């Protein structure tokens, strides 16, 4: 797995006390899109976190986006979240 993705995974696990974080890189599926940028990721993140499950869906997504604020600004084009 890409070093950037491993660092991001650790960041989420540490910040959310998540029992598991799975990051799926779907960037290659978007190659033919009009605004595709090779250096930006399209990611699906599946997070197992009791803390996030205790929040409503919007607040849980906001929390993840807050943690990944820098990455979203610089390295992530699209993000799909699933919270278990």
C-alpha atoms as a PDB file:
ATOM      1  CA  UNK A   1       0.000   0.000   0.000  1.00  0.00           C
ATOM      2  CA  UNK A   2       1.144   3.519  -0.771  1.00  0.00           C
ATOM      3  CA  UNK A   3       3.012   5.227   2.126  1.00  0.00           C
ATOM      4  CA  UNK A   4       0.565   8.136   2.024  1.00  0.00           C
ATOM      5  CA  UNK A   5      -2.349   5.743   2.525  1.00  0.00           C
ATOM      6  CA  UNK A   6      -0.602   3.952   5.396  1.00  0.00           C
ATOM      7  CA  UNK A   7       0.077   7.251   7.166  1.00  0.00           C
ATOM      8  CA  UNK A   8      -3.536   8.276   6.655  1.00  0.00           C
ATOM      9  CA  UNK A   9      -4.760   4.932   8.019  1.00  0.00           C
ATOM     10  CA  UNK A  10      -2.647   5.320  11.164  1.00  0.00           C
ATOM     11  CA  UNK A  11      -3.878   8.891  11.587  1.00  0.00           C
ATOM     12  CA  UNK A  12      -7.515   7.747  11.499  1.00  0.00           C
ATOM     13  CA  UNK A  13      -6.937   4.792  13.839  1.00  0.00           C
ATOM     14  CA  UNK A  14      -5.137   6.983  16.371  1.00  0.00           C
ATOM     15  CA  UNK A  15      -7.597   9.885  16.256  1.00  0.00           C
ATOM     16  CA  UNK A  16     -10.751   7.763  16.337  1.00  0.00           C
ATOM     17  CA  UNK A  17      -9.562   4.789  18.389  1.00  0.00           C
ATOM     18  CA  UNK A  18     -10.902   2.753  15.477  1.00  0.00           C
ATOM     19  CA  UNK A  19     -10.703  -1.015  15.667  1.00  0.00           C
ATOM     20  CA  UNK A  20     -10.148  -1.193  11.911  1.00  0.00           C
ATOM     21  CA  UNK A  21      -9.665   1.124   8.949  1.00  0.00           C
ATOM     22  CA  UNK A  22      -9.680  -0.158   5.383  1.00  0.00           C
ATOM     23  CA  UNK A  23      -8.661   2.209   2.599  1.00  0.00           C
ATOM     24  CA  UNK A  24      -9.519   1.253  -0.966  1.00  0.00           C
ATOM     25  CA  UNK A  25      -7.825   3.204  -3.750  1.00  0.00           C
ATOM     26  CA  UNK A  26     -10.328   3.609  -6.602  1.00  0.00           C
ATOM     27  CA  UNK A  27      -8.222   6.163  -8.484  1.00  0.00           C
ATOM     28  CA  UNK A  28      -7.678   3.916 -11.504  1.00  0.00           C
ATOM     29  CA  UNK A  29     -11.443   3.647 -12.042  1.00  0.00           C
ATOM     30  CA  UNK A  30     -11.593   7.394 -12.720  1.00  0.00           C
ATOM     31  CA  UNK A  31      -8.821   7.757 -15.329  1.00  0.00           C
ATOM     32  CA  UNK A  32     -11.196   8.774 -18.109  1.00  0.00           C
ATOM     33  CA  UNK A  33     -13.032  11.447 -16.139  1.00  0.00           C
ATOM     34  CA  UNK A  34     -12.785  14.992 -17.444  1.00  0.00           C
ATOM     35  CA  UNK A  35     -11.035  16.475 -14.381  1.00  0.00           C
ATOM     36  CA  UNK A  36      -8.893  13.444 -13.507  1.00  0.00           C
ATOM     37  CA  UNK A  37      -5.583  14.332 -11.837  1.00  0.00           C
ATOM     38  CA  UNK A  38      -2.950  11.601 -11.550  1.00  0.00           C
ATOM     39  CA  UNK A  39      -1.580  13.004  -8.274  1.00  0.00           C
ATOM     40  CA  UNK A  40      -4.957  13.030  -6.465  1.00  0.00           C
ATOM     41  CA  UNK A  41      -6.671   9.981  -5.008  1.00  0.00           C
ATOM     42  CA  UNK A  42     -10.237   8.676  -5.248  1.00  0.00           C
ATOM     43  CA  UNK A  43     -10.681   6.716  -2.016  1.00  0.00           C
ATOM     44  CA  UNK A  44     -13.214   4.592  -0.211  1.00  0.00           C
ATOM     45  CA  UNK A  45     -12.603   4.348   3.520  1.00  0.00           C
ATOM     46  CA  UNK A  46     -14.349   1.808   5.722  1.00  0.00           C
ATOM     47  CA  UNK A  47     -13.991   2.610   9.419  1.00  0.00           C
ATOM     48  CA  UNK A  48     -14.965   0.424  12.353  1.00  0.00           C
ATOM     49  CA  UNK A  49     -15.327   2.808  15.271  1.00  0.00           C
ATOM     50  CA  UNK A  50     -17.675   2.750  18.241  1.00  0.00           C
ATOM     51  CA  UNK A  51     -17.072   6.474  18.669  1.00  0.00           C
ATOM     52  CA  UNK A  52     -18.172   7.316  15.114  1.00  0.00           C
ATOM     53  CA  UNK A  53     -21.168   4.985  15.415  1.00  0.00           C
ATOM     54  CA  UNK A  54     -22.263   6.958  18.493  1.00  0.00           C
ATOM     55  CA  UNK A  55     -22.485  10.135  16.371  1.00  0.00           C
ATOM     56  CA  UNK A  56     -25.145  10.886  13.809  1.00  0.00           C
ATOM     57  CA  UNK A  57     -24.036  10.253  10.232  1.00  0.00           C
ATOM     58  CA  UNK A  58     -23.340  13.887   9.323  1.00  0.00           C
ATOM     59  CA  UNK A  59     -21.292  14.541  12.473  1.00  0.00           C
ATOM     60  CA  UNK A  60     -19.311  11.326  11.925  1.00  0.00           C
ATOM     61  CA  UNK A  61     -18.462  12.373   8.362  1.00  0.00           C
ATOM     62  CA  UNK A  62     -17.520  15.865   9.562  1.00  0.00           C
ATOM     63  CA  UNK A  63     -15.189  14.363  12.166  1.00  0.00           C
ATOM     64  CA  UNK A  64     -13.387  12.251   9.554  1.00  0.00           C
ATOM     65  CA  UNK A  65     -13.107  15.228   7.192  1.00  0.00           C
ATOM     66  CA  UNK A  66     -11.720  17.343  10.031  1.00  0.00           C
ATOM     67  CA  UNK A  67      -9.040  14.722  10.731  1.00  0.00           C
ATOM     68  CA  UNK A  68      -8.163  14.490   7.025  1.00  0.00           C
ATOM     69  CA  UNK A  69      -8.422  18.222   6.321  1.00  0.00           C
ATOM     70  CA  UNK A  70      -4.889  18.573   4.941  1.00  0.00           C
ATOM     71  CA  UNK A  71      -5.113  15.399   2.869  1.00  0.00           C
ATOM     72  CA  UNK A  72      -8.456  16.458   1.394  1.00  0.00           C
ATOM     73  CA  UNK A  73      -6.999  19.799   0.409  1.00  0.00           C
ATOM     74  CA  UNK A  74      -3.828  18.441  -1.174  1.00  0.00           C
ATOM     75  CA  UNK A  75      -4.018  14.750  -2.090  1.00  0.00           C
ATOM     76  CA  UNK A  76      -7.633  13.511  -2.182  1.00  0.00           C
ATOM     77  CA  UNK A  77     -10.033  14.360  -4.994  1.00  0.00           C
ATOM     78  CA  UNK A  78     -12.946  12.144  -3.944  1.00  0.00           C
ATOM     79  CA  UNK A  79     -13.787  10.395  -0.678  1.00  0.00           C
ATOM     80  CA  UNK A  80     -16.445   7.779   0.051  1.00  0.00           C
ATOM     81  CA  UNK A  81     -16.953   6.877   3.710  1.00  0.00           C
ATOM     82  CA  UNK A  82     -18.572   3.845   5.271  1.00  0.00           C
ATOM     83  CA  UNK A  83     -18.816   3.656   9.047  1.00  0.00           C
ATOM     84  CA  UNK A  84     -19.394   0.312  10.753  1.00  0.00           C
END
